[in-house]
Amino acid sequence: MAKSCSGVTGMVVGSRSRHDSRGWLTIAGRTLPVALGRAGRRVLKREGDGATPVGVWRLRCVLYRADRGQRPRTALPVRPLRRDDGWCDAVGDRAYNRAVRLPYPASAEALWRADAVYDVVVVLSHNEQPRTWGGGSAIFMHLARPGFTPTEGCIALTRRDLGMVLARCGRGTRVRVTV
């Protein structure tokens, strides 16, 4: 793995069973609790299956709600979320698994949410190059719900833990989701 700005080469996500929706993330010798997809982890990710995809993913950028917190400290590219930010999840659409502006003519998830889970979002490189229609979209690291309830396929951490992770990440950092 490539080195990041702090010398951390990456992080690993796992759990006791590949069907678990709760697991852990290990980085720089620390192990942190995470919520995973409601269907656990899968090698063959499909749109809407509720699974966290197995593989190695680059951390692309960080989006955050400036009205709900300070800019995260990280060497990754960071930008504030806008009310019209969305992410296309319409299989077959030219913008599938890409950022879009809302309203969008095809199905797209709103990133500006009433709950806090997307107050800090790390865009992962899952299904990016090559992009496979139906291979899963909007796979992020974001804030966990109370009780670490399952995600739709993302990796979710507490605000404090995600802040600590981001402070150790740079452009070369990757997350490896194990089987």
C-alpha atoms as a PDB file:
ATOM      1  CA  MET A   1       0.000   0.000   0.000  1.00  0.00           C
ATOM      2  CA  ALA A   2       1.095   3.553  -0.626  1.00  0.00           C
ATOM      3  CA  LYS A   3       2.239   5.737   2.240  1.00  0.00           C
ATOM      4  CA  SER A   4       0.051   8.573   3.457  1.00  0.00           C
ATOM      5  CA  CYS A   5       1.187  11.863   4.918  1.00  0.00           C
ATOM      6  CA  SER A   6       1.567  10.428   8.429  1.00  0.00           C
ATOM      7  CA  GLY A   7       3.266   7.185   7.450  1.00  0.00           C
ATOM      8  CA  VAL A   8       0.073   5.137   7.881  1.00  0.00           C
ATOM      9  CA  THR A   9      -0.226   2.820   4.910  1.00  0.00           C
ATOM     10  CA  GLY A  10      -3.858   2.013   5.389  1.00  0.00           C
ATOM     11  CA  MET A  11      -6.505   0.455   7.523  1.00  0.00           C
ATOM     12  CA  VAL A  12      -8.254  -2.888   7.716  1.00  0.00           C
ATOM     13  CA  VAL A  13     -11.961  -3.573   8.314  1.00  0.00           C
ATOM     14  CA  GLY A  14     -13.174  -6.946   9.527  1.00  0.00           C
ATOM     15  CA  SER A  15     -15.584  -8.803  11.811  1.00  0.00           C
ATOM     16  CA  ARG A  16     -16.032 -12.252  13.349  1.00  0.00           C
ATOM     17  CA  SER A  17     -18.257 -13.443  10.494  1.00  0.00           C
ATOM     18  CA  ARG A  18     -18.696 -12.081   6.978  1.00  0.00           C
ATOM     19  CA  HIS A  19     -22.430 -11.843   7.772  1.00  0.00           C
ATOM     20  CA  ASP A  20     -21.945  -9.497  10.763  1.00  0.00           C
ATOM     21  CA  SER A  21     -23.200  -5.935  10.431  1.00  0.00           C
ATOM     22  CA  ARG A  22     -20.836  -4.812  13.208  1.00  0.00           C
ATOM     23  CA  GLY A  23     -17.086  -5.066  13.070  1.00  0.00           C
ATOM     24  CA  TRP A  24     -13.899  -3.157  13.620  1.00  0.00           C
ATOM     25  CA  LEU A  25     -11.434  -0.945  11.801  1.00  0.00           C
ATOM     26  CA  THR A  26      -7.732  -1.167  12.652  1.00  0.00           C
ATOM     27  CA  ILE A  27      -5.407   1.764  11.945  1.00  0.00           C
ATOM     28  CA  ALA A  28      -2.025   2.671  13.421  1.00  0.00           C
ATOM     29  CA  GLY A  29      -2.303  -0.037  16.074  1.00  0.00           C
ATOM     30  CA  ARG A  30      -5.772   1.057  17.231  1.00  0.00           C
ATOM     31  CA  THR A  31      -8.956  -0.966  16.817  1.00  0.00           C
ATOM     32  CA  LEU A  32     -12.209   0.968  16.499  1.00  0.00           C
ATOM     33  CA  PRO A  33     -15.831  -0.284  16.372  1.00  0.00           C
ATOM     34  CA  VAL A  34     -17.699   0.147  13.075  1.00  0.00           C
ATOM     35  CA  ALA A  35     -21.133  -0.491  11.629  1.00  0.00           C
ATOM     36  CA  LEU A  36     -21.160  -2.383   8.345  1.00  0.00           C
ATOM     37  CA  GLY A  37     -23.828  -3.224   5.797  1.00  0.00           C
ATOM     38  CA  ARG A  38     -26.994  -4.977   6.983  1.00  0.00           C
ATOM     39  CA  ALA A  39     -25.970  -7.980   4.846  1.00  0.00           C
ATOM     40  CA  GLY A  40     -22.396  -8.061   6.169  1.00  0.00           C
ATOM     41  CA  ARG A  41     -19.510  -8.124   3.696  1.00  0.00           C
ATOM     42  CA  ARG A  42     -19.538  -9.564   0.165  1.00  0.00           C
ATOM     43  CA  VAL A  43     -16.962 -10.092  -2.532  1.00  0.00           C
ATOM     44  CA  LEU A  44     -19.589  -9.625  -5.269  1.00  0.00           C
ATOM     45  CA  LYS A  45     -21.340  -6.362  -4.382  1.00  0.00           C
ATOM     46  CA  ARG A  46     -24.648  -5.605  -6.143  1.00  0.00           C
ATOM     47  CA  GLU A  47     -26.738  -2.445  -6.075  1.00  0.00           C
ATOM     48  CA  GLY A  48     -29.196  -2.500  -3.176  1.00  0.00           C
ATOM     49  CA  ASP A  49     -27.922  -5.728  -1.554  1.00  0.00           C
ATOM     50  CA  GLY A  50     -27.024  -3.985   1.730  1.00  0.00           C
ATOM     51  CA  ALA A  51     -23.511  -5.456   1.783  1.00  0.00           C
ATOM     52  CA  THR A  52     -20.181  -3.765   2.446  1.00  0.00           C
ATOM     53  CA  PRO A  53     -17.922  -4.626  -0.513  1.00  0.00           C
ATOM     54  CA  VAL A  54     -14.752  -6.644   0.123  1.00  0.00           C
ATOM     55  CA  GLY A  55     -11.636  -5.145  -1.470  1.00  0.00           C
ATOM     56  CA  VAL A  56      -9.102  -2.354  -1.189  1.00  0.00           C
ATOM     57  CA  TRP A  57     -10.499   1.155  -1.676  1.00  0.00           C
ATOM     58  CA  ARG A  58      -8.746   4.523  -1.919  1.00  0.00           C
ATOM     59  CA  LEU A  59     -10.066   7.400   0.178  1.00  0.00           C
ATOM     60  CA  ARG A  60     -10.951   9.986  -2.476  1.00  0.00           C
ATOM     61  CA  CYS A  61     -12.199  13.049  -0.610  1.00  0.00           C
ATOM     62  CA  VAL A  62     -14.110  14.236   2.429  1.00  0.00           C
ATOM     63  CA  LEU A  63     -17.443  16.071   2.356  1.00  0.00           C
ATOM     64  CA  TYR A  64     -18.820  17.688   5.499  1.00  0.00           C
ATOM     65  CA  ARG A  65     -21.710  19.782   6.808  1.00  0.00           C
ATOM     66  CA  ALA A  66     -20.097  23.128   7.676  1.00  0.00           C
ATOM     67  CA  ASP A  67     -23.272  24.126   9.546  1.00  0.00           C
ATOM     68  CA  ARG A  68     -22.829  21.138  11.898  1.00  0.00           C
ATOM     69  CA  GLY A  69     -19.110  21.068  12.556  1.00  0.00           C
ATOM     70  CA  GLN A  70     -15.655  22.248  11.732  1.00  0.00           C
ATOM     71  CA  ARG A  71     -13.668  21.240   8.678  1.00  0.00           C
ATOM     72  CA  PRO A  72     -12.148  17.806   9.368  1.00  0.00           C
ATOM     73  CA  ARG A  73      -8.369  17.790   9.892  1.00  0.00           C
ATOM     74  CA  THR A  74      -6.906  15.613   7.154  1.00  0.00           C
ATOM     75  CA  ALA A  75      -4.523  15.677   4.212  1.00  0.00           C
ATOM     76  CA  LEU A  76      -7.318  14.379   1.963  1.00  0.00           C
ATOM     77  CA  PRO A  77      -9.167  16.837  -0.291  1.00  0.00           C
ATOM     78  CA  VAL A  78     -12.074  18.366   1.697  1.00  0.00           C
ATOM     79  CA  ARG A  79     -15.092  20.440   0.690  1.00  0.00           C
ATOM     80  CA  PRO A  80     -18.296  21.516   2.417  1.00  0.00           C
ATOM     81  CA  LEU A  81     -21.509  19.784   1.377  1.00  0.00           C
ATOM     82  CA  ARG A  82     -24.119  21.844  -0.459  1.00  0.00           C
ATOM     83  CA  ARG A  83     -27.865  21.393  -0.062  1.00  0.00           C
ATOM     84  CA  ASP A  84     -28.153  20.131  -3.645  1.00  0.00           C
ATOM     85  CA  ASP A  85     -25.386  17.501  -3.435  1.00  0.00           C
ATOM     86  CA  GLY A  86     -26.500  14.010  -4.393  1.00  0.00           C
ATOM     87  CA  TRP A  87     -25.114  10.650  -5.509  1.00  0.00           C
ATOM     88  CA  CYS A  88     -26.636   8.800  -8.474  1.00  0.00           C
ATOM     89  CA  ASP A  89     -27.751   5.216  -7.751  1.00  0.00           C
ATOM     90  CA  ALA A  90     -29.701   4.663 -10.978  1.00  0.00           C
ATOM     91  CA  VAL A  91     -28.240   1.585 -12.694  1.00  0.00           C
ATOM     92  CA  GLY A  92     -27.627   2.408 -16.363  1.00  0.00           C
ATOM     93  CA  ASP A  93     -27.607   6.192 -15.911  1.00  0.00           C
ATOM     94  CA  ARG A  94     -24.518   7.949 -17.274  1.00  0.00           C
ATOM     95  CA  ALA A  95     -23.862   9.402 -13.797  1.00  0.00           C
ATOM     96  CA  TYR A  96     -24.258   6.059 -11.965  1.00  0.00           C
ATOM     97  CA  ASN A  97     -22.063   6.013  -8.836  1.00  0.00           C
ATOM     98  CA  ARG A  98     -21.099   9.654  -9.347  1.00  0.00           C
ATOM     99  CA  ALA A  99     -21.805  12.914  -7.568  1.00  0.00           C
ATOM    100  CA  VAL A 100     -24.755  14.840  -9.034  1.00  0.00           C
ATOM    101  CA  ARG A 101     -26.712  18.021  -8.351  1.00  0.00           C
ATOM    102  CA  LEU A 102     -30.262  17.617  -7.093  1.00  0.00           C
ATOM    103  CA  PRO A 103     -32.865  17.506  -8.371  1.00  0.00           C
ATOM    104  CA  TYR A 104     -31.479  14.911 -10.757  1.00  0.00           C
ATOM    105  CA  PRO A 105     -33.655  13.280 -13.440  1.00  0.00           C
ATOM    106  CA  ALA A 106     -32.703   9.729 -12.366  1.00  0.00           C
ATOM    107  CA  SER A 107     -32.618   8.156  -8.897  1.00  0.00           C
ATOM    108  CA  ALA A 108     -30.088   9.830  -6.622  1.00  0.00           C
ATOM    109  CA  GLU A 109     -29.439   9.847  -2.892  1.00  0.00           C
ATOM    110  CA  ALA A 110     -29.429  13.225  -1.123  1.00  0.00           C
ATOM    111  CA  LEU A 111     -26.167  13.842   0.745  1.00  0.00           C
ATOM    112  CA  TRP A 112     -27.594  16.782   2.746  1.00  0.00           C
ATOM    113  CA  ARG A 113     -29.611  14.823   5.317  1.00  0.00           C
ATOM    114  CA  ALA A 114     -31.690  15.634   8.380  1.00  0.00           C
ATOM    115  CA  ASP A 115     -29.963  12.909  10.406  1.00  0.00           C
ATOM    116  CA  ALA A 116     -26.261  13.229  11.224  1.00  0.00           C
ATOM    117  CA  VAL A 117     -24.833  10.222   9.373  1.00  0.00           C
ATOM    118  CA  TYR A 118     -23.583  12.284   6.420  1.00  0.00           C
ATOM    119  CA  ASP A 119     -22.293  15.219   8.473  1.00  0.00           C
ATOM    120  CA  VAL A 120     -18.859  13.807   7.542  1.00  0.00           C
ATOM    121  CA  VAL A 121     -18.572  11.574   4.453  1.00  0.00           C
ATOM    122  CA  VAL A 122     -15.444   9.967   3.012  1.00  0.00           C
ATOM    123  CA  VAL A 123     -15.921   8.987  -0.629  1.00  0.00           C
ATOM    124  CA  LEU A 124     -14.327   5.589  -1.339  1.00  0.00           C
ATOM    125  CA  SER A 125     -13.124   4.405  -4.754  1.00  0.00           C
ATOM    126  CA  HIS A 126     -15.429   1.359  -4.834  1.00  0.00           C
ATOM    127  CA  ASN A 127     -16.843   0.641  -8.326  1.00  0.00           C
ATOM    128  CA  GLU A 128     -15.013   3.614  -9.767  1.00  0.00           C
ATOM    129  CA  GLN A 129     -12.630   2.359 -12.461  1.00  0.00           C
ATOM    130  CA  PRO A 130     -13.887   0.403 -14.183  1.00  0.00           C
ATOM    131  CA  ARG A 131     -17.407   1.319 -13.196  1.00  0.00           C
ATOM    132  CA  THR A 132     -19.845  -1.580 -13.420  1.00  0.00           C
ATOM    133  CA  TRP A 133     -23.554  -0.756 -13.722  1.00  0.00           C
ATOM    134  CA  GLY A 134     -25.269  -2.516 -10.832  1.00  0.00           C
ATOM    135  CA  GLY A 135     -21.968  -3.083  -9.005  1.00  0.00           C
ATOM    136  CA  GLY A 136     -22.931  -0.829  -6.107  1.00  0.00           C
ATOM    137  CA  SER A 137     -22.959   2.914  -5.577  1.00  0.00           C
ATOM    138  CA  ALA A 138     -22.462   5.438  -2.785  1.00  0.00           C
ATOM    139  CA  ILE A 139     -20.070   3.320  -0.704  1.00  0.00           C
ATOM    140  CA  PHE A 140     -18.700   5.732   1.880  1.00  0.00           C
ATOM    141  CA  MET A 141     -17.184   5.974   5.319  1.00  0.00           C
ATOM    142  CA  HIS A 142     -19.522   8.115   7.421  1.00  0.00           C
ATOM    143  CA  LEU A 143     -20.858   8.688  10.921  1.00  0.00           C
ATOM    144  CA  ALA A 144     -22.504   5.799  12.756  1.00  0.00           C
ATOM    145  CA  ARG A 145     -26.059   5.887  14.034  1.00  0.00           C
ATOM    146  CA  PRO A 146     -26.591   5.359  17.767  1.00  0.00           C
ATOM    147  CA  GLY A 147     -26.011   1.711  18.663  1.00  0.00           C
ATOM    148  CA  PHE A 148     -24.035   1.124  15.450  1.00  0.00           C
ATOM    149  CA  THR A 149     -27.135   0.043  13.548  1.00  0.00           C
ATOM    150  CA  PRO A 150     -26.339  -1.429  10.109  1.00  0.00           C
ATOM    151  CA  THR A 151     -25.610   0.690   7.042  1.00  0.00           C
ATOM    152  CA  GLU A 152     -26.689   0.055   3.452  1.00  0.00           C
ATOM    153  CA  GLY A 153     -23.123  -1.047   2.637  1.00  0.00           C
ATOM    154  CA  CYS A 154     -20.945   1.723   4.028  1.00  0.00           C
ATOM    155  CA  ILE A 155     -18.466   1.742   6.917  1.00  0.00           C
ATOM    156  CA  ALA A 156     -19.665   3.902   9.825  1.00  0.00           C
ATOM    157  CA  LEU A 157     -17.722   5.175  12.851  1.00  0.00           C
ATOM    158  CA  THR A 158     -18.345   7.552  15.744  1.00  0.00           C
ATOM    159  CA  ARG A 159     -17.577  11.209  15.029  1.00  0.00           C
ATOM    160  CA  ARG A 160     -14.544  11.067  17.338  1.00  0.00           C
ATOM    161  CA  ASP A 161     -13.142   7.913  15.729  1.00  0.00           C
ATOM    162  CA  LEU A 162     -13.734   9.116  12.164  1.00  0.00           C
ATOM    163  CA  GLY A 163     -11.959  12.368  13.075  1.00  0.00           C
ATOM    164  CA  MET A 164      -8.981  10.406  14.404  1.00  0.00           C
ATOM    165  CA  VAL A 165      -8.890   8.241  11.271  1.00  0.00           C
ATOM    166  CA  LEU A 166      -9.033  11.275   8.964  1.00  0.00           C
ATOM    167  CA  ALA A 167      -6.214  13.006  10.857  1.00  0.00           C
ATOM    168  CA  ARG A 168      -4.008  10.009   9.974  1.00  0.00           C
ATOM    169  CA  CYS A 169      -5.041   9.760   6.313  1.00  0.00           C
ATOM    170  CA  GLY A 170      -3.566  11.237   3.185  1.00  0.00           C
ATOM    171  CA  ARG A 171      -3.963  10.849  -0.557  1.00  0.00           C
ATOM    172  CA  GLY A 172      -2.284   7.428  -0.572  1.00  0.00           C
ATOM    173  CA  THR A 173      -4.290   5.889   2.249  1.00  0.00           C
ATOM    174  CA  ARG A 174      -6.480   2.889   1.512  1.00  0.00           C
ATOM    175  CA  VAL A 175      -9.005   0.859   3.446  1.00  0.00           C
ATOM    176  CA  ARG A 176      -8.981  -2.923   3.031  1.00  0.00           C
ATOM    177  CA  VAL A 177     -12.276  -4.668   3.746  1.00  0.00           C
ATOM    178  CA  THR A 178     -11.514  -8.335   4.443  1.00  0.00           C
ATOM    179  CA  VAL A 179     -13.621 -11.388   3.650  1.00  0.00           C
END
